[in-house]
């Protein structure tokens, strides 16, 4: 039930079944010399597909919207392959997409974002809020509960769907996967192997930056100084990641968050 692969009549049927929309969101940006530029997009689609199956177990119909490629790329801006989109441009596009879904007849949308950029979160927070206020659609952005306070969010907002943090360990690496590390490498290699280069990953040394320098990464524009190859973590460790457990855990937490939001 991915909208891109359906006929318009199939989409009409989904509307008539009161389906909720899962909206995969990411960005096109560099992910080291071993992963494709669309890593975040593919990850969001993997999550939506699994969440859809889990929702079906609860008797909830859903449909997956076309992915949103053109998010905000702050942390890796300046790197070849990392597209730079203005905030106003990205916001207008999200607003138009949500308005279109409302015009189709859908009344409930959940944004599933696989790109953790600060500016991306601000974009989604503002876009979903305005769409909910101006179109009437229940536009809800799934948001990691452990970072909500940085954005002045409580989780009670109608346009925010808080997702509890992960409690299981899926990687044994000492180098945290900040960007294109072992976990992201494992995801793409497992689900989209044509878009990963495991041989290249296995030849990359582990790269750890000091916690006090992580803000340089977050604020963007200094990625090449911190990592000339555009990754932070330990890609070579990808085979040791418990990838199925990781995806299953995310799926359950997101589904539970959606169910809780719908019953609130």
C-alpha atoms as a PDB file:
ATOM      1  CA  UNK A   1       0.000   0.000   0.000  1.00  0.00           C
ATOM      2  CA  UNK A   2       2.626   2.476  -1.112  1.00  0.00           C
ATOM      3  CA  UNK A   3       0.861   5.296  -2.927  1.00  0.00           C
ATOM      4  CA  UNK A   4       3.546   5.536  -5.611  1.00  0.00           C
ATOM      5  CA  UNK A   5       2.774   2.012  -6.780  1.00  0.00           C
ATOM      6  CA  UNK A   6      -1.014   2.333  -6.754  1.00  0.00           C
ATOM      7  CA  UNK A   7      -3.661   3.523  -9.169  1.00  0.00           C
ATOM      8  CA  UNK A   8      -5.765   6.531  -8.243  1.00  0.00           C
ATOM      9  CA  UNK A   9      -8.719   4.229  -7.675  1.00  0.00           C
ATOM     10  CA  UNK A  10      -6.687   2.302  -5.109  1.00  0.00           C
ATOM     11  CA  UNK A  11      -5.987   5.541  -3.289  1.00  0.00           C
ATOM     12  CA  UNK A  12      -9.710   6.312  -3.359  1.00  0.00           C
ATOM     13  CA  UNK A  13     -10.395   2.913  -1.794  1.00  0.00           C
ATOM     14  CA  UNK A  14      -7.882   3.697   0.961  1.00  0.00           C
ATOM     15  CA  UNK A  15      -9.710   6.950   1.689  1.00  0.00           C
ATOM     16  CA  UNK A  16     -13.032   5.120   1.901  1.00  0.00           C
ATOM     17  CA  UNK A  17     -11.503   2.663   4.377  1.00  0.00           C
ATOM     18  CA  UNK A  18     -10.518   5.581   6.656  1.00  0.00           C
ATOM     19  CA  UNK A  19      -6.846   4.756   6.198  1.00  0.00           C
ATOM     20  CA  UNK A  20      -4.278   6.836   8.008  1.00  0.00           C
ATOM     21  CA  UNK A  21      -1.284   8.083   6.012  1.00  0.00           C
ATOM     22  CA  UNK A  22       2.313   7.251   6.878  1.00  0.00           C
ATOM     23  CA  UNK A  23       4.544   9.949   5.421  1.00  0.00           C
ATOM     24  CA  UNK A  24       8.227   8.916   4.986  1.00  0.00           C
ATOM     25  CA  UNK A  25      10.528  11.899   5.429  1.00  0.00           C
ATOM     26  CA  UNK A  26      14.252  12.266   4.904  1.00  0.00           C
ATOM     27  CA  UNK A  27      16.822  14.192   2.911  1.00  0.00           C
ATOM     28  CA  UNK A  28      19.299  13.609   0.117  1.00  0.00           C
ATOM     29  CA  UNK A  29      22.794  13.929   1.570  1.00  0.00           C
ATOM     30  CA  UNK A  30      26.190  12.280   1.547  1.00  0.00           C
ATOM     31  CA  UNK A  31      26.579   9.187   3.702  1.00  0.00           C
ATOM     32  CA  UNK A  32      30.257   8.438   3.445  1.00  0.00           C
ATOM     33  CA  UNK A  33      31.977   6.579   0.589  1.00  0.00           C
ATOM     34  CA  UNK A  34      29.976   3.410   1.264  1.00  0.00           C
ATOM     35  CA  UNK A  35      26.275   4.396   1.372  1.00  0.00           C
ATOM     36  CA  UNK A  36      23.916   6.035  -1.105  1.00  0.00           C
ATOM     37  CA  UNK A  37      22.718   9.635  -0.870  1.00  0.00           C
ATOM     38  CA  UNK A  38      19.176   8.350  -0.296  1.00  0.00           C
ATOM     39  CA  UNK A  39      20.009   6.470   2.907  1.00  0.00           C
ATOM     40  CA  UNK A  40      17.588   8.498   5.045  1.00  0.00           C
ATOM     41  CA  UNK A  41      14.804   8.167   2.487  1.00  0.00           C
ATOM     42  CA  UNK A  42      15.170   4.412   2.228  1.00  0.00           C
ATOM     43  CA  UNK A  43      15.311   4.126   6.011  1.00  0.00           C
ATOM     44  CA  UNK A  44      12.072   6.105   6.356  1.00  0.00           C
ATOM     45  CA  UNK A  45      10.402   3.843   3.788  1.00  0.00           C
ATOM     46  CA  UNK A  46      11.591   0.710   5.626  1.00  0.00           C
ATOM     47  CA  UNK A  47      10.129   2.056   8.850  1.00  0.00           C
ATOM     48  CA  UNK A  48       6.812   3.008   7.220  1.00  0.00           C
ATOM     49  CA  UNK A  49       6.470  -0.414   5.635  1.00  0.00           C
ATOM     50  CA  UNK A  50       7.035  -2.163   8.957  1.00  0.00           C
ATOM     51  CA  UNK A  51       4.793   0.213  10.902  1.00  0.00           C
ATOM     52  CA  UNK A  52       2.074  -0.366   8.332  1.00  0.00           C
ATOM     53  CA  UNK A  53       2.208  -4.123   8.945  1.00  0.00           C
ATOM     54  CA  UNK A  54       2.148  -3.607  12.712  1.00  0.00           C
ATOM     55  CA  UNK A  55      -0.831  -1.249  12.502  1.00  0.00           C
ATOM     56  CA  UNK A  56      -2.671  -3.849  10.419  1.00  0.00           C
ATOM     57  CA  UNK A  57      -2.361  -6.254  13.355  1.00  0.00           C
ATOM     58  CA  UNK A  58      -4.341  -3.699  15.373  1.00  0.00           C
ATOM     59  CA  UNK A  59      -7.024  -3.447  12.709  1.00  0.00           C
ATOM     60  CA  UNK A  60      -5.869  -0.056  11.418  1.00  0.00           C
ATOM     61  CA  UNK A  61      -5.708   0.566   7.677  1.00  0.00           C
ATOM     62  CA  UNK A  62      -2.871   2.726   6.426  1.00  0.00           C
ATOM     63  CA  UNK A  63      -1.276   3.886   3.208  1.00  0.00           C
ATOM     64  CA  UNK A  64       2.262   5.132   2.614  1.00  0.00           C
ATOM     65  CA  UNK A  65       2.622   8.534   0.953  1.00  0.00           C
ATOM     66  CA  UNK A  66       5.380   9.309  -1.564  1.00  0.00           C
ATOM     67  CA  UNK A  67       8.587  10.119   0.352  1.00  0.00           C
ATOM     68  CA  UNK A  68       9.683  13.662   1.098  1.00  0.00           C
ATOM     69  CA  UNK A  69      13.210  14.003  -0.294  1.00  0.00           C
ATOM     70  CA  UNK A  70      13.849  17.701   0.091  1.00  0.00           C
ATOM     71  CA  UNK A  71      14.422  18.223   3.783  1.00  0.00           C
ATOM     72  CA  UNK A  72      16.950  20.469   5.479  1.00  0.00           C
ATOM     73  CA  UNK A  73      20.569  19.365   5.307  1.00  0.00           C
ATOM     74  CA  UNK A  74      22.398  21.460   7.874  1.00  0.00           C
ATOM     75  CA  UNK A  75      25.007  19.125   9.347  1.00  0.00           C
ATOM     76  CA  UNK A  76      26.546  17.969   6.043  1.00  0.00           C
ATOM     77  CA  UNK A  77      25.966  21.080   3.958  1.00  0.00           C
ATOM     78  CA  UNK A  78      28.832  21.879   1.648  1.00  0.00           C
ATOM     79  CA  UNK A  79      29.532  18.208   0.952  1.00  0.00           C
ATOM     80  CA  UNK A  80      29.002  17.099  -2.647  1.00  0.00           C
ATOM     81  CA  UNK A  81      25.693  15.215  -2.783  1.00  0.00           C
ATOM     82  CA  UNK A  82      24.115  17.076   0.133  1.00  0.00           C
ATOM     83  CA  UNK A  83      21.388  19.226  -1.387  1.00  0.00           C
ATOM     84  CA  UNK A  84      20.716  22.595   0.218  1.00  0.00           C
ATOM     85  CA  UNK A  85      17.032  23.490   0.379  1.00  0.00           C
ATOM     86  CA  UNK A  86      15.740  26.728   1.876  1.00  0.00           C
ATOM     87  CA  UNK A  87      13.519  26.381   4.933  1.00  0.00           C
ATOM     88  CA  UNK A  88      10.664  28.305   3.296  1.00  0.00           C
ATOM     89  CA  UNK A  89      10.854  26.125   0.194  1.00  0.00           C
ATOM     90  CA  UNK A  90      10.771  22.893   2.178  1.00  0.00           C
ATOM     91  CA  UNK A  91       7.959  24.147   4.400  1.00  0.00           C
ATOM     92  CA  UNK A  92       5.824  25.202   1.448  1.00  0.00           C
ATOM     93  CA  UNK A  93       6.273  21.805  -0.156  1.00  0.00           C
ATOM     94  CA  UNK A  94       5.309  19.912   3.008  1.00  0.00           C
ATOM     95  CA  UNK A  95       2.272  22.155   3.447  1.00  0.00           C
ATOM     96  CA  UNK A  96       1.199  21.495  -0.151  1.00  0.00           C
ATOM     97  CA  UNK A  97       1.631  17.737   0.265  1.00  0.00           C
ATOM     98  CA  UNK A  98      -0.418  17.668   3.466  1.00  0.00           C
ATOM     99  CA  UNK A  99      -3.077  19.881   1.870  1.00  0.00           C
ATOM    100  CA  UNK A 100      -3.256  17.508  -1.107  1.00  0.00           C
ATOM    101  CA  UNK A 101      -3.719  14.515   1.174  1.00  0.00           C
ATOM    102  CA  UNK A 102      -6.555  16.364   2.905  1.00  0.00           C
ATOM    103  CA  UNK A 103      -8.166  17.183  -0.445  1.00  0.00           C
ATOM    104  CA  UNK A 104      -7.951  13.494  -1.379  1.00  0.00           C
ATOM    105  CA  UNK A 105     -10.041  12.765   1.714  1.00  0.00           C
ATOM    106  CA  UNK A 106      -7.433  11.588   4.198  1.00  0.00           C
ATOM    107  CA  UNK A 107      -7.871  12.995   7.687  1.00  0.00           C
ATOM    108  CA  UNK A 108      -4.862  11.688   9.628  1.00  0.00           C
ATOM    109  CA  UNK A 109      -1.155  11.775   8.698  1.00  0.00           C
ATOM    110  CA  UNK A 110       1.904  10.661  10.649  1.00  0.00           C
ATOM    111  CA  UNK A 111       5.317  11.920   9.614  1.00  0.00           C
ATOM    112  CA  UNK A 112       8.057   9.283   9.947  1.00  0.00           C
ATOM    113  CA  UNK A 113      11.348  11.165   9.829  1.00  0.00           C
ATOM    114  CA  UNK A 114      14.707   9.401   9.404  1.00  0.00           C
ATOM    115  CA  UNK A 115      16.888  12.518   9.351  1.00  0.00           C
ATOM    116  CA  UNK A 116      17.932  13.934  12.719  1.00  0.00           C
ATOM    117  CA  UNK A 117      19.094  17.417  11.722  1.00  0.00           C
ATOM    118  CA  UNK A 118      18.044  20.172  14.138  1.00  0.00           C
ATOM    119  CA  UNK A 119      16.768  22.366  11.303  1.00  0.00           C
ATOM    120  CA  UNK A 120      14.843  19.395   9.926  1.00  0.00           C
ATOM    121  CA  UNK A 121      13.056  18.958  13.249  1.00  0.00           C
ATOM    122  CA  UNK A 122      12.201  22.655  13.331  1.00  0.00           C
ATOM    123  CA  UNK A 123      10.903  22.411   9.765  1.00  0.00           C
ATOM    124  CA  UNK A 124       8.644  19.467  10.578  1.00  0.00           C
ATOM    125  CA  UNK A 125       7.437  20.886  13.871  1.00  0.00           C
ATOM    126  CA  UNK A 126       6.360  24.159  12.255  1.00  0.00           C
ATOM    127  CA  UNK A 127       4.988  22.626   9.054  1.00  0.00           C
ATOM    128  CA  UNK A 128       2.826  20.017  10.773  1.00  0.00           C
ATOM    129  CA  UNK A 129       1.548  22.596  13.269  1.00  0.00           C
ATOM    130  CA  UNK A 130       0.511  25.050  10.560  1.00  0.00           C
ATOM    131  CA  UNK A 131      -1.022  22.324   8.382  1.00  0.00           C
ATOM    132  CA  UNK A 132      -3.110  21.087  11.297  1.00  0.00           C
ATOM    133  CA  UNK A 133      -4.314  24.620  12.008  1.00  0.00           C
ATOM    134  CA  UNK A 134      -5.051  25.673   8.434  1.00  0.00           C
ATOM    135  CA  UNK A 135      -6.246  22.556   6.606  1.00  0.00           C
ATOM    136  CA  UNK A 136      -8.084  20.657   9.310  1.00  0.00           C
ATOM    137  CA  UNK A 137      -6.033  17.519   8.790  1.00  0.00           C
ATOM    138  CA  UNK A 138      -4.706  15.726  11.879  1.00  0.00           C
ATOM    139  CA  UNK A 139      -1.073  16.172  10.861  1.00  0.00           C
ATOM    140  CA  UNK A 140       1.173  14.591  13.470  1.00  0.00           C
ATOM    141  CA  UNK A 141       4.946  14.429  13.370  1.00  0.00           C
ATOM    142  CA  UNK A 142       6.500  11.483  15.199  1.00  0.00           C
ATOM    143  CA  UNK A 143       9.140  13.015  17.458  1.00  0.00           C
ATOM    144  CA  UNK A 144      11.770  11.444  19.722  1.00  0.00           C
ATOM    145  CA  UNK A 145      10.571  12.146  23.256  1.00  0.00           C
ATOM    146  CA  UNK A 146      14.083  12.520  24.666  1.00  0.00           C
ATOM    147  CA  UNK A 147      14.804  15.607  22.535  1.00  0.00           C
ATOM    148  CA  UNK A 148      11.415  17.323  22.648  1.00  0.00           C
ATOM    149  CA  UNK A 149      12.409  19.677  25.462  1.00  0.00           C
ATOM    150  CA  UNK A 150      15.119  21.213  23.266  1.00  0.00           C
ATOM    151  CA  UNK A 151      12.344  22.439  20.969  1.00  0.00           C
ATOM    152  CA  UNK A 152       9.988  23.631  23.684  1.00  0.00           C
ATOM    153  CA  UNK A 153       7.656  20.670  23.149  1.00  0.00           C
ATOM    154  CA  UNK A 154       5.768  18.759  25.824  1.00  0.00           C
ATOM    155  CA  UNK A 155       4.285  15.999  23.704  1.00  0.00           C
ATOM    156  CA  UNK A 156       0.768  17.201  24.432  1.00  0.00           C
ATOM    157  CA  UNK A 157       0.663  19.189  21.204  1.00  0.00           C
ATOM    158  CA  UNK A 158      -1.854  17.812  18.730  1.00  0.00           C
ATOM    159  CA  UNK A 159       0.702  17.956  15.917  1.00  0.00           C
ATOM    160  CA  UNK A 160       3.369  15.984  17.824  1.00  0.00           C
ATOM    161  CA  UNK A 161       3.394  12.205  18.335  1.00  0.00           C
ATOM    162  CA  UNK A 162       6.034  11.424  21.015  1.00  0.00           C
ATOM    163  CA  UNK A 163       8.054   8.237  20.506  1.00  0.00           C
ATOM    164  CA  UNK A 164       9.776   6.673  23.508  1.00  0.00           C
ATOM    165  CA  UNK A 165      13.574   6.162  23.320  1.00  0.00           C
ATOM    166  CA  UNK A 166      15.165   2.858  22.461  1.00  0.00           C
ATOM    167  CA  UNK A 167      16.026   0.741  25.490  1.00  0.00           C
ATOM    168  CA  UNK A 168      17.851  -2.154  23.821  1.00  0.00           C
ATOM    169  CA  UNK A 169      21.479  -2.302  22.679  1.00  0.00           C
ATOM    170  CA  UNK A 170      21.820  -3.174  19.013  1.00  0.00           C
ATOM    171  CA  UNK A 171      25.482  -2.311  18.448  1.00  0.00           C
ATOM    172  CA  UNK A 172      28.634  -3.354  20.305  1.00  0.00           C
ATOM    173  CA  UNK A 173      30.727  -0.579  18.782  1.00  0.00           C
ATOM    174  CA  UNK A 174      32.543   1.918  21.016  1.00  0.00           C
ATOM    175  CA  UNK A 175      32.072   4.502  18.271  1.00  0.00           C
ATOM    176  CA  UNK A 176      28.541   5.886  18.313  1.00  0.00           C
ATOM    177  CA  UNK A 177      26.798   5.958  14.949  1.00  0.00           C
ATOM    178  CA  UNK A 178      26.473   9.701  14.507  1.00  0.00           C
ATOM    179  CA  UNK A 179      26.363   9.536  10.723  1.00  0.00           C
ATOM    180  CA  UNK A 180      26.796   6.638   8.281  1.00  0.00           C
ATOM    181  CA  UNK A 181      28.217   4.429  11.009  1.00  0.00           C
ATOM    182  CA  UNK A 182      27.590   0.755  11.677  1.00  0.00           C
ATOM    183  CA  UNK A 183      23.823   0.948  12.261  1.00  0.00           C
ATOM    184  CA  UNK A 184      22.984   2.971   9.154  1.00  0.00           C
ATOM    185  CA  UNK A 185      25.332   0.775   7.129  1.00  0.00           C
ATOM    186  CA  UNK A 186      23.632  -2.359   8.451  1.00  0.00           C
ATOM    187  CA  UNK A 187      20.170  -1.012   7.572  1.00  0.00           C
ATOM    188  CA  UNK A 188      20.974  -0.251   3.936  1.00  0.00           C
ATOM    189  CA  UNK A 189      23.070  -3.387   3.462  1.00  0.00           C
ATOM    190  CA  UNK A 190      20.237  -5.523   4.849  1.00  0.00           C
ATOM    191  CA  UNK A 191      17.251  -3.962   3.082  1.00  0.00           C
ATOM    192  CA  UNK A 192      18.753  -2.228   0.023  1.00  0.00           C
ATOM    193  CA  UNK A 193      22.031  -4.084  -0.615  1.00  0.00           C
ATOM    194  CA  UNK A 194      22.399  -2.649  -4.122  1.00  0.00           C
ATOM    195  CA  UNK A 195      22.885   0.797  -2.569  1.00  0.00           C
ATOM    196  CA  UNK A 196      25.581  -0.149  -0.035  1.00  0.00           C
ATOM    197  CA  UNK A 197      29.250  -0.952  -0.578  1.00  0.00           C
ATOM    198  CA  UNK A 198      30.183  -3.344   2.255  1.00  0.00           C
ATOM    199  CA  UNK A 199      33.739  -3.760   0.955  1.00  0.00           C
ATOM    200  CA  UNK A 200      34.276  -0.011   1.248  1.00  0.00           C
ATOM    201  CA  UNK A 201      32.686   0.014   4.717  1.00  0.00           C
ATOM    202  CA  UNK A 202      34.980  -2.741   5.952  1.00  0.00           C
ATOM    203  CA  UNK A 203      38.038  -0.679   4.990  1.00  0.00           C
ATOM    204  CA  UNK A 204      36.967   2.437   6.868  1.00  0.00           C
ATOM    205  CA  UNK A 205      38.640   3.073  10.232  1.00  0.00           C
ATOM    206  CA  UNK A 206      36.484   3.792  13.240  1.00  0.00           C
ATOM    207  CA  UNK A 207      36.044   7.524  13.696  1.00  0.00           C
ATOM    208  CA  UNK A 208      35.142   9.034  17.059  1.00  0.00           C
ATOM    209  CA  UNK A 209      34.895  12.736  17.763  1.00  0.00           C
ATOM    210  CA  UNK A 210      35.006  14.263  21.215  1.00  0.00           C
ATOM    211  CA  UNK A 211      31.554  15.025  22.682  1.00  0.00           C
ATOM    212  CA  UNK A 212      32.433  18.707  22.917  1.00  0.00           C
ATOM    213  CA  UNK A 213      33.036  18.773  19.152  1.00  0.00           C
ATOM    214  CA  UNK A 214      29.740  17.146  18.220  1.00  0.00           C
ATOM    215  CA  UNK A 215      28.097  20.564  18.187  1.00  0.00           C
ATOM    216  CA  UNK A 216      30.422  21.532  15.333  1.00  0.00           C
ATOM    217  CA  UNK A 217      28.878  18.672  13.376  1.00  0.00           C
ATOM    218  CA  UNK A 218      25.335  19.578  14.400  1.00  0.00           C
ATOM    219  CA  UNK A 219      25.658  23.228  13.397  1.00  0.00           C
ATOM    220  CA  UNK A 220      26.911  22.214   9.979  1.00  0.00           C
ATOM    221  CA  UNK A 221      29.464  23.343   7.463  1.00  0.00           C
ATOM    222  CA  UNK A 222      32.437  21.717   9.217  1.00  0.00           C
ATOM    223  CA  UNK A 223      31.793  18.103   8.336  1.00  0.00           C
ATOM    224  CA  UNK A 224      34.831  17.783   6.071  1.00  0.00           C
ATOM    225  CA  UNK A 225      37.129  19.097   8.815  1.00  0.00           C
ATOM    226  CA  UNK A 226      35.765  16.517  11.254  1.00  0.00           C
ATOM    227  CA  UNK A 227      35.552  13.685   8.733  1.00  0.00           C
ATOM    228  CA  UNK A 228      37.050  14.047   5.284  1.00  0.00           C
ATOM    229  CA  UNK A 229      35.097  10.998   4.083  1.00  0.00           C
ATOM    230  CA  UNK A 230      31.764  12.154   5.509  1.00  0.00           C
ATOM    231  CA  UNK A 231      31.014   9.557   8.190  1.00  0.00           C
ATOM    232  CA  UNK A 232      31.206   9.383  11.987  1.00  0.00           C
ATOM    233  CA  UNK A 233      31.140   6.029  13.679  1.00  0.00           C
ATOM    234  CA  UNK A 234      32.374   2.551  12.809  1.00  0.00           C
ATOM    235  CA  UNK A 235      30.931   1.398   9.462  1.00  0.00           C
ATOM    236  CA  UNK A 236      33.154  -1.701   9.431  1.00  0.00           C
ATOM    237  CA  UNK A 237      31.195  -3.056  12.406  1.00  0.00           C
ATOM    238  CA  UNK A 238      27.943  -3.302  10.433  1.00  0.00           C
ATOM    239  CA  UNK A 239      27.859  -7.108  10.500  1.00  0.00           C
ATOM    240  CA  UNK A 240      27.712  -7.081  14.300  1.00  0.00           C
ATOM    241  CA  UNK A 241      24.607  -4.890  14.461  1.00  0.00           C
ATOM    242  CA  UNK A 242      21.389  -6.642  15.513  1.00  0.00           C
ATOM    243  CA  UNK A 243      19.581  -5.060  12.622  1.00  0.00           C
ATOM    244  CA  UNK A 244      16.312  -7.025  12.689  1.00  0.00           C
ATOM    245  CA  UNK A 245      15.965  -6.392  16.431  1.00  0.00           C
ATOM    246  CA  UNK A 246      16.688  -2.723  15.820  1.00  0.00           C
ATOM    247  CA  UNK A 247      14.040  -2.297  13.122  1.00  0.00           C
ATOM    248  CA  UNK A 248      11.502  -4.365  15.042  1.00  0.00           C
ATOM    249  CA  UNK A 249      12.051  -2.264  18.160  1.00  0.00           C
ATOM    250  CA  UNK A 250      11.574   0.992  16.247  1.00  0.00           C
ATOM    251  CA  UNK A 251       8.466  -0.425  14.583  1.00  0.00           C
ATOM    252  CA  UNK A 252       6.851  -1.340  17.896  1.00  0.00           C
ATOM    253  CA  UNK A 253       7.702   1.982  19.552  1.00  0.00           C
ATOM    254  CA  UNK A 254       6.356   4.047  16.663  1.00  0.00           C
ATOM    255  CA  UNK A 255       3.208   1.941  16.407  1.00  0.00           C
ATOM    256  CA  UNK A 256       2.570   2.269  20.142  1.00  0.00           C
ATOM    257  CA  UNK A 257       3.083   6.032  19.875  1.00  0.00           C
ATOM    258  CA  UNK A 258       0.554   6.271  17.036  1.00  0.00           C
ATOM    259  CA  UNK A 259      -1.986   4.140  18.894  1.00  0.00           C
ATOM    260  CA  UNK A 260      -1.590   6.263  22.017  1.00  0.00           C
ATOM    261  CA  UNK A 261      -1.968   9.509  20.069  1.00  0.00           C
ATOM    262  CA  UNK A 262      -5.110   8.263  18.355  1.00  0.00           C
ATOM    263  CA  UNK A 263      -6.713   7.333  21.667  1.00  0.00           C
ATOM    264  CA  UNK A 264      -5.809  10.605  23.398  1.00  0.00           C
END
